[in-house]
Amino acid sequence: MVEFYQTVIGKRFSMSQLPELIKSVNRLADAIEKATNLSQANGKVVIASTANADRCE
């Protein structure tokens, strides 16, 4: 039986899509960290929840 990583889709995923996903997650983490640092510098508390994802207080 052929392993996933040996298939065309598996190679595409592991060589292209997964690295791009990791870069995107890292960019999101950097943006969150920057937003947190800015809000702390301004004396604001950032509260995030899935219920009010578009609102920060």
N, C-alpha and C. Protein backbone atom coordinates (compact mmCIF):
# COMPACT_ATOMS: atom_id res chain seq x y z
N MET A 1 0.83 -1.18 0.00
CA MET A 1 0.00 0.00 0.00
C MET A 1 0.88 1.25 0.00
N VAL A 2 0.50 2.23 -0.79
CA VAL A 2 1.26 3.47 -0.91
C VAL A 2 0.94 4.38 0.28
N GLU A 3 1.97 4.92 0.89
CA GLU A 3 1.80 5.84 2.01
C GLU A 3 1.37 7.21 1.49
N PHE A 4 0.67 7.96 2.34
CA PHE A 4 0.16 9.27 1.93
C PHE A 4 1.26 10.17 1.40
N TYR A 5 2.39 10.23 2.09
CA TYR A 5 3.47 11.11 1.67
C TYR A 5 4.08 10.73 0.33
N GLN A 6 3.78 9.52 -0.15
CA GLN A 6 4.30 9.06 -1.44
C GLN A 6 3.37 9.39 -2.60
N THR A 7 2.17 9.84 -2.30
CA THR A 7 1.22 10.18 -3.36
C THR A 7 1.46 11.60 -3.84
N VAL A 8 0.88 11.94 -5.00
CA VAL A 8 1.02 13.29 -5.53
C VAL A 8 0.42 14.30 -4.56
N ILE A 9 -0.74 14.00 -4.05
CA ILE A 9 -1.39 14.90 -3.09
C ILE A 9 -0.57 15.01 -1.81
N GLY A 10 -0.04 13.90 -1.33
CA GLY A 10 0.78 13.90 -0.12
C GLY A 10 2.05 14.71 -0.30
N LYS A 11 2.68 14.58 -1.44
CA LYS A 11 3.90 15.36 -1.72
C LYS A 11 3.58 16.84 -1.79
N ARG A 12 2.47 17.19 -2.44
CA ARG A 12 2.07 18.59 -2.55
C ARG A 12 1.78 19.16 -1.17
N PHE A 13 1.10 18.36 -0.35
CA PHE A 13 0.78 18.81 1.01
C PHE A 13 2.04 19.03 1.82
N SER A 14 2.93 18.06 1.82
CA SER A 14 4.11 18.14 2.69
C SER A 14 5.17 19.11 2.17
N MET A 15 5.22 19.32 0.87
CA MET A 15 6.26 20.18 0.30
C MET A 15 5.80 21.62 0.09
N SER A 16 4.51 21.85 0.00
CA SER A 16 4.03 23.19 -0.31
C SER A 16 2.98 23.69 0.69
N GLN A 17 1.90 22.93 0.81
CA GLN A 17 0.78 23.42 1.61
C GLN A 17 1.09 23.49 3.11
N LEU A 18 1.72 22.49 3.65
CA LEU A 18 2.05 22.49 5.08
C LEU A 18 3.03 23.61 5.44
N PRO A 19 4.09 23.82 4.70
CA PRO A 19 4.97 24.95 5.02
C PRO A 19 4.25 26.30 4.94
N GLU A 20 3.37 26.46 3.97
CA GLU A 20 2.60 27.71 3.86
C GLU A 20 1.67 27.88 5.06
N LEU A 21 1.06 26.79 5.49
CA LEU A 21 0.19 26.82 6.66
C LEU A 21 0.97 27.23 7.90
N ILE A 22 2.15 26.69 8.05
CA ILE A 22 2.99 27.02 9.20
C ILE A 22 3.38 28.50 9.17
N LYS A 23 3.73 29.01 7.99
CA LYS A 23 4.06 30.43 7.86
C LYS A 23 2.87 31.30 8.24
N SER A 24 1.68 30.91 7.81
CA SER A 24 0.48 31.68 8.12
C SER A 24 0.19 31.68 9.61
N VAL A 25 0.33 30.54 10.25
CA VAL A 25 0.10 30.46 11.69
C VAL A 25 1.13 31.31 12.43
N ASN A 26 2.35 31.30 11.99
CA ASN A 26 3.39 32.13 12.61
C ASN A 26 3.09 33.62 12.43
N ARG A 27 2.59 34.01 11.25
CA ARG A 27 2.23 35.41 11.03
C ARG A 27 1.07 35.81 11.94
N LEU A 28 0.10 34.93 12.11
CA LEU A 28 -1.01 35.21 13.02
C LEU A 28 -0.52 35.37 14.45
N ALA A 29 0.36 34.49 14.87
CA ALA A 29 0.91 34.57 16.23
C ALA A 29 1.67 35.88 16.42
N ASP A 30 2.43 36.29 15.42
CA ASP A 30 3.16 37.56 15.51
C ASP A 30 2.20 38.74 15.60
N ALA A 31 1.14 38.70 14.81
CA ALA A 31 0.16 39.78 14.83
C ALA A 31 -0.55 39.85 16.17
N ILE A 32 -0.89 38.72 16.74
CA ILE A 32 -1.54 38.69 18.05
C ILE A 32 -0.60 39.23 19.12
N GLU A 33 0.65 38.82 19.05
CA GLU A 33 1.64 39.30 20.01
C GLU A 33 1.82 40.81 19.90
N LYS A 34 1.89 41.31 18.67
CA LYS A 34 2.05 42.75 18.46
C LYS A 34 0.83 43.50 18.98
N ALA A 35 -0.37 43.00 18.70
CA ALA A 35 -1.59 43.65 19.19
C ALA A 35 -1.64 43.64 20.70
N THR A 36 -1.23 42.54 21.30
CA THR A 36 -1.21 42.45 22.76
C THR A 36 -0.22 43.45 23.35
N ASN A 37 0.95 43.52 22.76
CA ASN A 37 1.96 44.47 23.24
C ASN A 37 1.49 45.91 23.10
N LEU A 38 0.84 46.23 21.98
CA LEU A 38 0.33 47.59 21.78
C LEU A 38 -0.76 47.91 22.78
N SER A 39 -1.65 46.98 23.01
CA SER A 39 -2.74 47.24 23.95
C SER A 39 -2.22 47.38 25.37
N GLN A 40 -1.21 46.59 25.73
CA GLN A 40 -0.63 46.71 27.06
C GLN A 40 0.10 48.05 27.22
N ALA A 41 0.74 48.50 26.15
CA ALA A 41 1.43 49.78 26.20
C ALA A 41 0.45 50.93 26.36
N ASN A 42 -0.77 50.76 25.82
CA ASN A 42 -1.80 51.79 25.92
C ASN A 42 -2.65 51.62 27.17
N GLY A 43 -2.37 50.61 27.97
CA GLY A 43 -3.11 50.39 29.19
C GLY A 43 -4.48 49.77 29.00
N LYS A 44 -4.70 49.15 27.86
CA LYS A 44 -5.99 48.52 27.58
C LYS A 44 -5.88 47.02 27.80
N VAL A 45 -6.98 46.42 28.18
CA VAL A 45 -7.05 44.98 28.34
C VAL A 45 -7.78 44.42 27.14
N VAL A 46 -7.19 43.44 26.48
CA VAL A 46 -7.82 42.83 25.32
C VAL A 46 -8.48 41.54 25.76
N ILE A 47 -9.78 41.45 25.50
CA ILE A 47 -10.53 40.24 25.82
C ILE A 47 -11.05 39.66 24.52
N ALA A 48 -10.69 38.45 24.24
CA ALA A 48 -11.13 37.81 23.02
C ALA A 48 -11.88 36.55 23.36
N SER A 49 -13.00 36.36 22.70
CA SER A 49 -13.75 35.13 22.86
C SER A 49 -14.35 34.76 21.52
N THR A 50 -14.73 33.52 21.38
CA THR A 50 -15.33 33.10 20.12
C THR A 50 -16.72 33.68 19.94
N ALA A 51 -17.39 34.01 21.04
CA ALA A 51 -18.74 34.58 20.95
C ALA A 51 -18.71 36.00 20.39
N ASN A 52 -17.69 36.76 20.76
CA ASN A 52 -17.57 38.14 20.30
C ASN A 52 -16.23 38.35 19.61
N ALA A 53 -15.96 37.57 18.62
CA ALA A 53 -14.65 37.59 17.99
C ALA A 53 -14.36 38.92 17.31
N ASP A 54 -15.38 39.67 16.95
CA ASP A 54 -15.14 40.94 16.27
C ASP A 54 -15.04 42.13 17.23
N ARG A 55 -15.13 41.88 18.52
CA ARG A 55 -15.07 42.93 19.51
C ARG A 55 -13.91 42.74 20.46
N CYS A 56 -13.20 43.82 20.74
CA CYS A 56 -12.15 43.82 21.76
C CYS A 56 -12.45 44.95 22.72
N GLU A 57 -12.30 44.69 23.98
CA GLU A 57 -12.56 45.72 24.98
C GLU A 57 -11.30 45.97 25.79
